[in-house]
Amino acid sequence: MNVKDGIIKEIIDLKKKKNAVILAHYYQEAAIQDVADFVGDSLGLSQEAAKTNADIIVFAGVHFMAETAKIINPTKKVLLPDLNAGCSLAESCPAGDFEKFIKQHPGHTVVTYINCSADVKTLSDIVCTSSNAVNVINSIPKDRPIIFAPDKNLGKYLIKKTGRDMLLWDGSCVVHEAFSISKLLNLAAEYPNAKIVAHPESEEVVLKTAHFIGSTAEMLKFVKEDSGKQYIVATEAGILHQMVKDAPTKELIPAPAKEDNTCACSECAYMKVNTLEKLYLCLKNETPEILIDETTRLKALIPITRMLELSGKPSSAANTL
């Protein structure tokens, strides 16, 4: 048995012993995805966190995701393999600055993308993910003005998709802004039969080239079910691991990044901070643990619960807008 297999065996044994569940995002390294109990996008992971019976939740993702799991599950121990697994998008929206922004524009319904801190969620009326953002925006009465944060690219996409004139916070994801449109067009010319699939956090110029725009889960579903044979994938390269599993006969080509790197694709350095060994040590030592003060948790729970209700997960904790 090699070292990797040994670590995987230890993780599986510890999960059973401690009644733990491992939730992993599609952008995690392949070995972590393979050992996880559930792999999904932000919406799917939130839903799994809401219904788990495990005593310990190990969140193989980034900090805001683990925070969300703790907000939903205050009595469970929530662990993150590495506290340095942050998020450029979440960091682009400091809570203090965002609070000032909201006060400068009173009377708006505040919608925040789930990629934000717990403190920012406390300032929100409802949270959304890329999977349910259109439904969330459409659920708000048309006479109510909307603030959308923190992702301006997703916000612009939603304005076009819903017809709502929203006030956008100026934030973005470095991974999804890293795609080179000139390289992408060259790649599309090289593969004229390939369909471009893109995440709505990408820049507008990239989205204009796409044959399909959707969340990570929606992109996976499209590639699996579509009749095409070649796909250029414009999101974090970690998704390719699951895409290969779901559609083994199809050719998958990562969209090129602006800067040259080893894979010529766009990877999230934050997501890749987590490793299989860190996951094992996290579960073994039950640290680092995510802790949130109760006042913050209860405030942040309200917009999250509203989102889950719209996604078919009713909860008595929700308030109507």
C-alpha atoms as a PDB file:
ATOM      1  CA  MET A   1       0.000   0.000   0.000  1.00  0.00           C
ATOM      2  CA  ASN A   2       1.474   3.379  -1.007  1.00  0.00           C
ATOM      3  CA  VAL A   3       1.352   6.518   1.150  1.00  0.00           C
ATOM      4  CA  LYS A   4      -1.688   7.983  -0.651  1.00  0.00           C
ATOM      5  CA  ASP A   5      -3.714   4.781  -0.298  1.00  0.00           C
ATOM      6  CA  GLY A   6      -2.735   4.612   3.360  1.00  0.00           C
ATOM      7  CA  ILE A   7      -3.995   8.137   4.000  1.00  0.00           C
ATOM      8  CA  ILE A   8      -7.251   7.386   2.195  1.00  0.00           C
ATOM      9  CA  LYS A   9      -7.765   4.267   4.338  1.00  0.00           C
ATOM     10  CA  GLU A  10      -7.119   6.283   7.509  1.00  0.00           C
ATOM     11  CA  ILE A  11      -9.633   8.922   6.411  1.00  0.00           C
ATOM     12  CA  ILE A  12     -12.298   6.292   5.710  1.00  0.00           C
ATOM     13  CA  ASP A  13     -11.688   4.634   9.081  1.00  0.00           C
ATOM     14  CA  LEU A  14     -11.838   7.966  10.928  1.00  0.00           C
ATOM     15  CA  LYS A  15     -15.085   8.919   9.170  1.00  0.00           C
ATOM     16  CA  LYS A  16     -16.764   5.770  10.467  1.00  0.00           C
ATOM     17  CA  LYS A  17     -15.267   6.058  13.950  1.00  0.00           C
ATOM     18  CA  LYS A  18     -16.234   9.697  14.419  1.00  0.00           C
ATOM     19  CA  ASN A  19     -19.516   9.736  12.456  1.00  0.00           C
ATOM     20  CA  ALA A  20     -18.069  12.360  10.133  1.00  0.00           C
ATOM     21  CA  VAL A  21     -19.047  13.441   6.652  1.00  0.00           C
ATOM     22  CA  ILE A  22     -16.739  14.979   4.060  1.00  0.00           C
ATOM     23  CA  LEU A  23     -18.258  17.578   1.749  1.00  0.00           C
ATOM     24  CA  ALA A  24     -16.050  18.628  -1.158  1.00  0.00           C
ATOM     25  CA  HIS A  25     -16.363  21.241  -3.882  1.00  0.00           C
ATOM     26  CA  TYR A  26     -15.768  20.377  -7.529  1.00  0.00           C
ATOM     27  CA  TYR A  27     -12.674  22.590  -7.479  1.00  0.00           C
ATOM     28  CA  GLN A  28     -10.837  20.460  -4.923  1.00  0.00           C
ATOM     29  CA  GLU A  29      -7.975  18.205  -6.000  1.00  0.00           C
ATOM     30  CA  ALA A  30      -9.020  14.857  -7.465  1.00  0.00           C
ATOM     31  CA  ALA A  31      -7.964  12.746  -4.472  1.00  0.00           C
ATOM     32  CA  ILE A  32     -10.142  14.803  -2.126  1.00  0.00           C
ATOM     33  CA  GLN A  33     -13.138  14.570  -4.454  1.00  0.00           C
ATOM     34  CA  ASP A  34     -12.732  10.807  -4.610  1.00  0.00           C
ATOM     35  CA  VAL A  35     -12.682  10.322  -0.831  1.00  0.00           C
ATOM     36  CA  ALA A  36     -15.586  12.724  -0.160  1.00  0.00           C
ATOM     37  CA  ASP A  37     -19.104  11.594   0.728  1.00  0.00           C
ATOM     38  CA  PHE A  38     -20.606  14.323  -1.441  1.00  0.00           C
ATOM     39  CA  VAL A  39     -19.071  16.477  -4.174  1.00  0.00           C
ATOM     40  CA  GLY A  40     -21.052  19.449  -5.387  1.00  0.00           C
ATOM     41  CA  ASP A  41     -21.420  23.140  -6.112  1.00  0.00           C
ATOM     42  CA  SER A  42     -22.248  25.758  -3.481  1.00  0.00           C
ATOM     43  CA  LEU A  43     -25.988  25.083  -3.578  1.00  0.00           C
ATOM     44  CA  GLY A  44     -25.640  21.311  -3.420  1.00  0.00           C
ATOM     45  CA  LEU A  45     -23.115  21.535  -0.605  1.00  0.00           C
ATOM     46  CA  SER A  46     -25.382  23.874   1.372  1.00  0.00           C
ATOM     47  CA  GLN A  47     -28.272  21.469   0.941  1.00  0.00           C
ATOM     48  CA  GLU A  48     -26.161  18.503   2.034  1.00  0.00           C
ATOM     49  CA  ALA A  49     -24.920  20.432   5.058  1.00  0.00           C
ATOM     50  CA  ALA A  50     -28.522  21.220   5.993  1.00  0.00           C
ATOM     51  CA  LYS A  51     -29.638  17.587   6.024  1.00  0.00           C
ATOM     52  CA  THR A  52     -26.616  15.675   7.312  1.00  0.00           C
ATOM     53  CA  ASN A  53     -26.885  13.549  10.453  1.00  0.00           C
ATOM     54  CA  ALA A  54     -23.126  13.461  10.956  1.00  0.00           C
ATOM     55  CA  ASP A  55     -21.575  14.748  14.178  1.00  0.00           C
ATOM     56  CA  ILE A  56     -18.604  16.224  12.316  1.00  0.00           C
ATOM     57  CA  ILE A  57     -18.630  18.024   8.969  1.00  0.00           C
ATOM     58  CA  VAL A  58     -15.280  18.246   7.221  1.00  0.00           C
ATOM     59  CA  PHE A  59     -15.646  20.897   4.547  1.00  0.00           C
ATOM     60  CA  ALA A  60     -13.145  20.449   1.752  1.00  0.00           C
ATOM     61  CA  GLY A  61     -13.650  23.802   0.140  1.00  0.00           C
ATOM     62  CA  VAL A  62     -13.000  27.389   1.142  1.00  0.00           C
ATOM     63  CA  HIS A  63     -13.717  29.334   4.309  1.00  0.00           C
ATOM     64  CA  PHE A  64     -17.084  30.864   3.416  1.00  0.00           C
ATOM     65  CA  MET A  65     -18.436  27.399   2.567  1.00  0.00           C
ATOM     66  CA  ALA A  66     -17.414  25.989   5.939  1.00  0.00           C
ATOM     67  CA  GLU A  67     -18.910  29.065   7.615  1.00  0.00           C
ATOM     68  CA  THR A  68     -22.207  28.411   5.841  1.00  0.00           C
ATOM     69  CA  ALA A  69     -22.206  24.807   7.069  1.00  0.00           C
ATOM     70  CA  LYS A  70     -21.646  26.013  10.648  1.00  0.00           C
ATOM     71  CA  ILE A  71     -24.392  28.626  10.349  1.00  0.00           C
ATOM     72  CA  ILE A  72     -26.819  25.881   9.331  1.00  0.00           C
ATOM     73  CA  ASN A  73     -25.500  23.344  11.868  1.00  0.00           C
ATOM     74  CA  PRO A  74     -24.630  25.141  15.126  1.00  0.00           C
ATOM     75  CA  THR A  75     -24.499  21.944  17.208  1.00  0.00           C
ATOM     76  CA  LYS A  76     -22.149  20.102  14.849  1.00  0.00           C
ATOM     77  CA  LYS A  77     -18.378  20.410  14.701  1.00  0.00           C
ATOM     78  CA  VAL A  78     -17.374  21.922  11.353  1.00  0.00           C
ATOM     79  CA  LEU A  79     -13.773  21.542  10.237  1.00  0.00           C
ATOM     80  CA  LEU A  80     -11.784  23.097   7.400  1.00  0.00           C
ATOM     81  CA  PRO A  81      -8.510  21.387   6.411  1.00  0.00           C
ATOM     82  CA  ASP A  82      -6.676  24.726   6.113  1.00  0.00           C
ATOM     83  CA  LEU A  83      -7.920  28.076   7.407  1.00  0.00           C
ATOM     84  CA  ASN A  84      -5.928  29.775   4.643  1.00  0.00           C
ATOM     85  CA  ALA A  85      -8.422  28.414   2.102  1.00  0.00           C
ATOM     86  CA  GLY A  86     -10.041  31.774   1.501  1.00  0.00           C
ATOM     87  CA  CYS A  87     -11.786  33.304  -1.521  1.00  0.00           C
ATOM     88  CA  SER A  88     -10.760  36.282  -3.628  1.00  0.00           C
ATOM     89  CA  LEU A  89     -14.406  37.116  -4.302  1.00  0.00           C
ATOM     90  CA  ALA A  90     -15.366  37.064  -0.622  1.00  0.00           C
ATOM     91  CA  GLU A  91     -12.326  39.177   0.205  1.00  0.00           C
ATOM     92  CA  SER A  92     -13.377  41.765  -2.385  1.00  0.00           C
ATOM     93  CA  CYS A  93     -16.368  42.663  -0.192  1.00  0.00           C
ATOM     94  CA  PRO A  94     -15.336  43.672   3.362  1.00  0.00           C
ATOM     95  CA  ALA A  95     -18.367  43.797   5.648  1.00  0.00           C
ATOM     96  CA  GLY A  96     -17.667  47.314   6.931  1.00  0.00           C
ATOM     97  CA  ASP A  97     -17.427  48.773   3.451  1.00  0.00           C
ATOM     98  CA  PHE A  98     -20.477  46.884   2.294  1.00  0.00           C
ATOM     99  CA  GLU A  99     -22.522  48.142   5.248  1.00  0.00           C
ATOM    100  CA  LYS A 100     -21.632  51.721   4.289  1.00  0.00           C
ATOM    101  CA  PHE A 101     -22.624  50.984   0.680  1.00  0.00           C
ATOM    102  CA  ILE A 102     -26.031  49.690   1.790  1.00  0.00           C
ATOM    103  CA  LYS A 103     -26.629  52.775   3.962  1.00  0.00           C
ATOM    104  CA  GLN A 104     -25.791  55.003   0.998  1.00  0.00           C
ATOM    105  CA  HIS A 105     -28.558  53.271  -0.989  1.00  0.00           C
ATOM    106  CA  PRO A 106     -31.506  52.796   1.388  1.00  0.00           C
ATOM    107  CA  GLY A 107     -34.672  50.962   0.430  1.00  0.00           C
ATOM    108  CA  HIS A 108     -32.935  48.226  -1.567  1.00  0.00           C
ATOM    109  CA  THR A 109     -33.387  44.486  -1.149  1.00  0.00           C
ATOM    110  CA  VAL A 110     -29.894  43.136  -0.557  1.00  0.00           C
ATOM    111  CA  VAL A 111     -29.017  39.935  -2.411  1.00  0.00           C
ATOM    112  CA  THR A 112     -25.603  38.422  -1.825  1.00  0.00           C
ATOM    113  CA  TYR A 113     -23.910  35.616  -3.655  1.00  0.00           C
ATOM    114  CA  ILE A 114     -23.032  32.836  -1.221  1.00  0.00           C
ATOM    115  CA  ASN A 115     -19.330  33.566  -1.913  1.00  0.00           C
ATOM    116  CA  CYS A 116     -19.127  36.086   0.916  1.00  0.00           C
ATOM    117  CA  SER A 117     -18.330  36.134   4.618  1.00  0.00           C
ATOM    118  CA  ALA A 118     -20.767  35.412   7.426  1.00  0.00           C
ATOM    119  CA  ASP A 119     -20.597  39.100   8.382  1.00  0.00           C
ATOM    120  CA  VAL A 120     -21.696  40.118   4.884  1.00  0.00           C
ATOM    121  CA  LYS A 121     -24.520  37.578   5.016  1.00  0.00           C
ATOM    122  CA  THR A 122     -25.812  39.286   8.179  1.00  0.00           C
ATOM    123  CA  LEU A 123     -26.315  42.431   6.072  1.00  0.00           C
ATOM    124  CA  SER A 124     -28.297  40.524   3.422  1.00  0.00           C
ATOM    125  CA  ASP A 125     -31.988  39.914   2.827  1.00  0.00           C
ATOM    126  CA  ILE A 126     -31.394  36.745   0.853  1.00  0.00           C
ATOM    127  CA  VAL A 127     -28.427  34.693  -0.331  1.00  0.00           C
ATOM    128  CA  CYS A 128     -28.097  32.973  -3.706  1.00  0.00           C
ATOM    129  CA  THR A 129     -25.779  30.647  -5.588  1.00  0.00           C
ATOM    130  CA  SER A 130     -25.103  30.592  -9.316  1.00  0.00           C
ATOM    131  CA  SER A 131     -27.549  27.656  -9.541  1.00  0.00           C
ATOM    132  CA  ASN A 132     -30.517  29.516  -8.089  1.00  0.00           C
ATOM    133  CA  ALA A 133     -29.640  33.198  -8.600  1.00  0.00           C
ATOM    134  CA  VAL A 134     -32.228  33.739 -11.342  1.00  0.00           C
ATOM    135  CA  ASN A 135     -34.999  32.258  -9.177  1.00  0.00           C
ATOM    136  CA  VAL A 136     -33.890  34.363  -6.214  1.00  0.00           C
ATOM    137  CA  ILE A 137     -33.957  37.601  -8.233  1.00  0.00           C
ATOM    138  CA  ASN A 138     -37.317  36.709  -9.777  1.00  0.00           C
ATOM    139  CA  SER A 139     -38.766  36.064  -6.299  1.00  0.00           C
ATOM    140  CA  ILE A 140     -38.310  39.723  -5.359  1.00  0.00           C
ATOM    141  CA  PRO A 141     -41.240  42.056  -6.169  1.00  0.00           C
ATOM    142  CA  LYS A 142     -40.482  44.048  -9.316  1.00  0.00           C
ATOM    143  CA  ASP A 143     -41.088  47.386  -7.600  1.00  0.00           C
ATOM    144  CA  ARG A 144     -38.228  46.786  -5.155  1.00  0.00           C
ATOM    145  CA  PRO A 145     -34.756  48.004  -6.111  1.00  0.00           C
ATOM    146  CA  ILE A 146     -31.983  45.462  -5.600  1.00  0.00           C
ATOM    147  CA  ILE A 147     -28.385  45.586  -4.463  1.00  0.00           C
ATOM    148  CA  PHE A 148     -26.394  42.581  -5.674  1.00  0.00           C
ATOM    149  CA  ALA A 149     -22.997  41.664  -4.258  1.00  0.00           C
ATOM    150  CA  PRO A 150     -20.210  40.802  -4.396  1.00  0.00           C
ATOM    151  CA  ASP A 151     -19.703  39.483  -7.957  1.00  0.00           C
ATOM    152  CA  LYS A 152     -20.205  42.155 -10.617  1.00  0.00           C
ATOM    153  CA  ASN A 153     -19.872  39.655 -13.487  1.00  0.00           C
ATOM    154  CA  LEU A 154     -22.605  37.405 -12.128  1.00  0.00           C
ATOM    155  CA  GLY A 155     -24.626  40.547 -11.425  1.00  0.00           C
ATOM    156  CA  LYS A 156     -24.335  41.749 -15.026  1.00  0.00           C
ATOM    157  CA  TYR A 157     -25.354  38.313 -16.249  1.00  0.00           C
ATOM    158  CA  LEU A 158     -28.405  38.341 -13.954  1.00  0.00           C
ATOM    159  CA  ILE A 159     -29.446  41.794 -15.138  1.00  0.00           C
ATOM    160  CA  LYS A 160     -29.560  40.477 -18.694  1.00  0.00           C
ATOM    161  CA  LYS A 161     -31.230  37.239 -17.656  1.00  0.00           C
ATOM    162  CA  THR A 162     -33.959  38.755 -15.445  1.00  0.00           C
ATOM    163  CA  GLY A 163     -34.353  42.256 -16.847  1.00  0.00           C
ATOM    164  CA  ARG A 164     -33.894  43.745 -13.364  1.00  0.00           C
ATOM    165  CA  ASP A 165     -31.841  46.924 -13.037  1.00  0.00           C
ATOM    166  CA  MET A 166     -29.672  46.060 -10.047  1.00  0.00           C
ATOM    167  CA  LEU A 167     -27.072  48.099  -8.200  1.00  0.00           C
ATOM    168  CA  LEU A 168     -23.846  46.057  -8.276  1.00  0.00           C
ATOM    169  CA  TRP A 169     -20.977  45.847  -5.830  1.00  0.00           C
ATOM    170  CA  ASP A 170     -17.616  46.003  -7.613  1.00  0.00           C
ATOM    171  CA  GLY A 171     -16.229  42.559  -6.740  1.00  0.00           C
ATOM    172  CA  SER A 172     -14.966  39.643  -8.797  1.00  0.00           C
ATOM    173  CA  CYS A 173     -13.323  36.220  -8.732  1.00  0.00           C
ATOM    174  CA  VAL A 174      -9.692  36.211  -9.871  1.00  0.00           C
ATOM    175  CA  VAL A 175     -10.069  32.683 -11.243  1.00  0.00           C
ATOM    176  CA  HIS A 176     -12.984  33.507 -13.527  1.00  0.00           C
ATOM    177  CA  GLU A 177     -11.472  36.822 -14.594  1.00  0.00           C
ATOM    178  CA  ALA A 178      -8.246  35.044 -15.559  1.00  0.00           C
ATOM    179  CA  PHE A 179      -9.498  33.671 -18.869  1.00  0.00           C
ATOM    180  CA  SER A 180      -7.890  35.159 -21.959  1.00  0.00           C
ATOM    181  CA  ILE A 181     -10.469  36.021 -24.598  1.00  0.00           C
ATOM    182  CA  SER A 182      -7.858  36.106 -27.362  1.00  0.00           C
ATOM    183  CA  LYS A 183      -6.517  32.672 -26.382  1.00  0.00           C
ATOM    184  CA  LEU A 184     -10.071  31.378 -26.024  1.00  0.00           C
ATOM    185  CA  LEU A 185     -10.975  32.533 -29.529  1.00  0.00           C
ATOM    186  CA  ASN A 186      -7.800  30.954 -30.901  1.00  0.00           C
ATOM    187  CA  LEU A 187      -8.675  27.718 -29.141  1.00  0.00           C
ATOM    188  CA  ALA A 188     -12.220  27.847 -30.528  1.00  0.00           C
ATOM    189  CA  ALA A 189     -10.764  28.256 -34.028  1.00  0.00           C
ATOM    190  CA  GLU A 190      -8.515  25.254 -33.423  1.00  0.00           C
ATOM    191  CA  TYR A 191     -11.530  23.205 -32.274  1.00  0.00           C
ATOM    192  CA  PRO A 192     -14.388  24.544 -34.463  1.00  0.00           C
ATOM    193  CA  ASN A 193     -16.795  21.814 -33.327  1.00  0.00           C
ATOM    194  CA  ALA A 194     -16.196  22.395 -29.617  1.00  0.00           C
ATOM    195  CA  LYS A 195     -18.876  24.042 -27.512  1.00  0.00           C
ATOM    196  CA  ILE A 196     -17.767  26.629 -24.970  1.00  0.00           C
ATOM    197  CA  VAL A 197     -19.301  26.204 -21.515  1.00  0.00           C
ATOM    198  CA  ALA A 198     -18.737  28.994 -19.004  1.00  0.00           C
ATOM    199  CA  HIS A 199     -19.468  29.938 -15.423  1.00  0.00           C
ATOM    200  CA  PRO A 200     -21.422  33.219 -15.019  1.00  0.00           C
ATOM    201  CA  GLU A 201     -18.644  34.629 -12.798  1.00  0.00           C
ATOM    202  CA  SER A 202     -16.589  34.954 -15.987  1.00  0.00           C
ATOM    203  CA  GLU A 203     -16.200  38.315 -17.697  1.00  0.00           C
ATOM    204  CA  GLU A 204     -18.950  39.398 -20.092  1.00  0.00           C
ATOM    205  CA  VAL A 205     -16.684  39.079 -23.125  1.00  0.00           C
ATOM    206  CA  VAL A 206     -16.112  35.409 -22.293  1.00  0.00           C
ATOM    207  CA  LEU A 207     -19.813  34.764 -21.688  1.00  0.00           C
ATOM    208  CA  LYS A 208     -20.623  36.184 -25.134  1.00  0.00           C
ATOM    209  CA  THR A 209     -18.644  33.346 -26.705  1.00  0.00           C
ATOM    210  CA  ALA A 210     -20.321  30.606 -24.654  1.00  0.00           C
ATOM    211  CA  HIS A 211     -22.775  28.053 -25.991  1.00  0.00           C
ATOM    212  CA  PHE A 212     -23.869  27.327 -22.418  1.00  0.00           C
ATOM    213  CA  ILE A 213     -23.624  29.364 -19.198  1.00  0.00           C
ATOM    214  CA  GLY A 214     -24.286  27.804 -15.808  1.00  0.00           C
ATOM    215  CA  SER A 215     -23.112  26.843 -12.353  1.00  0.00           C
ATOM    216  CA  THR A 216     -20.573  24.050 -11.941  1.00  0.00           C
ATOM    217  CA  ALA A 217     -23.342  21.500 -11.428  1.00  0.00           C
ATOM    218  CA  GLU A 218     -25.260  22.811 -14.446  1.00  0.00           C
ATOM    219  CA  MET A 219     -22.138  22.711 -16.608  1.00  0.00           C
ATOM    220  CA  LEU A 220     -21.546  19.091 -15.618  1.00  0.00           C
ATOM    221  CA  LYS A 221     -25.127  18.187 -16.492  1.00  0.00           C
ATOM    222  CA  PHE A 222     -24.945  19.958 -19.858  1.00  0.00           C
ATOM    223  CA  VAL A 223     -21.706  18.268 -20.938  1.00  0.00           C
ATOM    224  CA  LYS A 224     -22.998  14.867 -19.818  1.00  0.00           C
ATOM    225  CA  GLU A 225     -26.357  15.131 -21.594  1.00  0.00           C
ATOM    226  CA  ASP A 226     -25.503  17.231 -24.655  1.00  0.00           C
ATOM    227  CA  SER A 227     -24.974  15.493 -28.018  1.00  0.00           C
ATOM    228  CA  GLY A 228     -21.653  17.201 -28.720  1.00  0.00           C
ATOM    229  CA  LYS A 229     -18.222  15.584 -28.520  1.00  0.00           C
ATOM    230  CA  GLN A 230     -15.859  18.453 -27.656  1.00  0.00           C
ATOM    231  CA  TYR A 231     -16.136  21.138 -24.967  1.00  0.00           C
ATOM    232  CA  ILE A 232     -13.996  24.094 -23.966  1.00  0.00           C
ATOM    233  CA  VAL A 233     -14.572  24.544 -20.242  1.00  0.00           C
ATOM    234  CA  ALA A 234     -14.330  28.064 -18.785  1.00  0.00           C
ATOM    235  CA  THR A 235     -14.273  27.561 -15.049  1.00  0.00           C
ATOM    236  CA  GLU A 236     -11.784  26.328 -12.445  1.00  0.00           C
ATOM    237  CA  ALA A 237      -9.927  23.324 -13.811  1.00  0.00           C
ATOM    238  CA  GLY A 238     -10.828  21.078 -10.873  1.00  0.00           C
ATOM    239  CA  ILE A 239     -14.233  20.466 -12.441  1.00  0.00           C
ATOM    240  CA  LEU A 240     -12.594  18.423 -15.206  1.00  0.00           C
ATOM    241  CA  HIS A 241     -12.084  15.486 -12.830  1.00  0.00           C
ATOM    242  CA  GLN A 242     -15.827  14.993 -12.385  1.00  0.00           C
ATOM    243  CA  MET A 243     -16.552  15.826 -16.029  1.00  0.00           C
ATOM    244  CA  VAL A 244     -14.282  13.010 -17.171  1.00  0.00           C
ATOM    245  CA  LYS A 245     -16.153  10.632 -14.865  1.00  0.00           C
ATOM    246  CA  ASP A 246     -19.553  11.809 -16.096  1.00  0.00           C
ATOM    247  CA  ALA A 247     -18.666  12.008 -19.794  1.00  0.00           C
ATOM    248  CA  PRO A 248     -15.683   9.694 -20.428  1.00  0.00           C
ATOM    249  CA  THR A 249     -16.149   9.615 -24.205  1.00  0.00           C
ATOM    250  CA  LYS A 250     -16.056  13.385 -24.652  1.00  0.00           C
ATOM    251  CA  GLU A 251     -13.026  15.605 -25.194  1.00  0.00           C
ATOM    252  CA  LEU A 252     -12.665  18.298 -22.540  1.00  0.00           C
ATOM    253  CA  ILE A 253     -10.405  21.290 -23.107  1.00  0.00           C
ATOM    254  CA  PRO A 254      -9.695  23.779 -20.290  1.00  0.00           C
ATOM    255  CA  ALA A 255     -10.153  27.415 -21.284  1.00  0.00           C
ATOM    256  CA  PRO A 256      -6.759  29.177 -21.369  1.00  0.00           C
ATOM    257  CA  ALA A 257      -5.723  31.695 -18.750  1.00  0.00           C
ATOM    258  CA  LYS A 258      -4.191  35.115 -19.476  1.00  0.00           C
ATOM    259  CA  GLU A 259      -0.984  34.209 -17.684  1.00  0.00           C
ATOM    260  CA  ASP A 260       1.094  31.227 -18.723  1.00  0.00           C
ATOM    261  CA  ASN A 261       1.183  28.437 -16.132  1.00  0.00           C
ATOM    262  CA  THR A 262       1.828  24.732 -16.015  1.00  0.00           C
ATOM    263  CA  CYS A 263      -1.639  23.652 -17.123  1.00  0.00           C
ATOM    264  CA  ALA A 264      -2.513  26.715 -19.270  1.00  0.00           C
ATOM    265  CA  CYS A 265      -5.841  26.807 -17.440  1.00  0.00           C
ATOM    266  CA  SER A 266      -7.263  28.745 -14.515  1.00  0.00           C
ATOM    267  CA  GLU A 267      -6.871  27.231 -11.052  1.00  0.00           C
ATOM    268  CA  CYS A 268      -7.955  28.580  -7.673  1.00  0.00           C
ATOM    269  CA  ALA A 269      -4.925  28.751  -5.398  1.00  0.00           C
ATOM    270  CA  TYR A 270      -7.258  28.956  -2.395  1.00  0.00           C
ATOM    271  CA  MET A 271      -9.078  25.739  -3.295  1.00  0.00           C
ATOM    272  CA  LYS A 272      -5.777  23.966  -3.829  1.00  0.00           C
ATOM    273  CA  VAL A 273      -4.514  24.933  -0.347  1.00  0.00           C
ATOM    274  CA  ASN A 274      -6.385  21.887   0.951  1.00  0.00           C
ATOM    275  CA  THR A 275      -4.573  18.591   0.459  1.00  0.00           C
ATOM    276  CA  LEU A 276      -5.362  14.959   1.190  1.00  0.00           C
ATOM    277  CA  GLU A 277      -2.877  14.951   4.071  1.00  0.00           C
ATOM    278  CA  LYS A 278      -4.375  18.115   5.578  1.00  0.00           C
ATOM    279  CA  LEU A 279      -7.807  16.536   5.268  1.00  0.00           C
ATOM    280  CA  TYR A 280      -6.584  13.493   7.203  1.00  0.00           C
ATOM    281  CA  LEU A 281      -4.921  15.576   9.945  1.00  0.00           C
ATOM    282  CA  CYS A 282      -7.988  17.795  10.205  1.00  0.00           C
ATOM    283  CA  LEU A 283     -10.236  14.793  10.808  1.00  0.00           C
ATOM    284  CA  LYS A 284      -7.743  13.092  13.127  1.00  0.00           C
ATOM    285  CA  ASN A 285      -7.131  16.154  15.339  1.00  0.00           C
ATOM    286  CA  GLU A 286     -10.562  17.773  14.831  1.00  0.00           C
ATOM    287  CA  THR A 287      -8.978  21.106  14.007  1.00  0.00           C
ATOM    288  CA  PRO A 288      -9.061  23.760  12.531  1.00  0.00           C
ATOM    289  CA  GLU A 289     -12.644  24.212  13.676  1.00  0.00           C
ATOM    290  CA  ILE A 290     -15.004  26.878  12.342  1.00  0.00           C
ATOM    291  CA  LEU A 291     -16.558  28.916  15.157  1.00  0.00           C
ATOM    292  CA  ILE A 292     -19.145  31.677  14.750  1.00  0.00           C
ATOM    293  CA  ASP A 293     -20.649  33.780  17.513  1.00  0.00           C
ATOM    294  CA  GLU A 294     -24.350  33.138  17.984  1.00  0.00           C
ATOM    295  CA  THR A 295     -25.512  36.679  17.179  1.00  0.00           C
ATOM    296  CA  THR A 296     -23.762  36.588  13.815  1.00  0.00           C
ATOM    297  CA  ARG A 297     -24.921  33.055  13.133  1.00  0.00           C
ATOM    298  CA  LEU A 298     -28.594  33.817  13.728  1.00  0.00           C
ATOM    299  CA  LYS A 299     -28.501  36.923  11.536  1.00  0.00           C
ATOM    300  CA  ALA A 300     -26.690  35.089   8.740  1.00  0.00           C
ATOM    301  CA  LEU A 301     -29.054  32.119   8.983  1.00  0.00           C
ATOM    302  CA  ILE A 302     -32.073  34.168   7.862  1.00  0.00           C
ATOM    303  CA  PRO A 303     -30.931  34.924   4.268  1.00  0.00           C
ATOM    304  CA  ILE A 304     -29.443  31.434   3.895  1.00  0.00           C
ATOM    305  CA  THR A 305     -32.691  29.811   4.970  1.00  0.00           C
ATOM    306  CA  ARG A 306     -34.653  31.964   2.553  1.00  0.00           C
ATOM    307  CA  MET A 307     -32.410  30.681  -0.213  1.00  0.00           C
ATOM    308  CA  LEU A 308     -32.847  27.057   0.848  1.00  0.00           C
ATOM    309  CA  GLU A 309     -36.626  27.477   0.951  1.00  0.00           C
ATOM    310  CA  LEU A 310     -36.619  28.749  -2.625  1.00  0.00           C
ATOM    311  CA  SER A 311     -34.505  25.718  -3.529  1.00  0.00           C
ATOM    312  CA  GLY A 312     -37.029  23.285  -2.066  1.00  0.00           C
ATOM    313  CA  LYS A 313     -35.548  22.942   1.400  1.00  0.00           C
ATOM    314  CA  PRO A 314     -38.167  24.333   3.811  1.00  0.00           C
ATOM    315  CA  SER A 315     -37.127  25.501   7.253  1.00  0.00           C
ATOM    316  CA  SER A 316     -39.014  27.130  10.110  1.00  0.00           C
ATOM    317  CA  ALA A 317     -36.139  29.592  10.567  1.00  0.00           C
ATOM    318  CA  ALA A 318     -36.934  31.585   7.427  1.00  0.00           C
ATOM    319  CA  ASN A 319     -38.682  34.946   7.252  1.00  0.00           C
ATOM    320  CA  THR A 320     -40.447  36.261   4.182  1.00  0.00           C
ATOM    321  CA  LEU A 321     -38.986  39.192   2.321  1.00  0.00           C
END
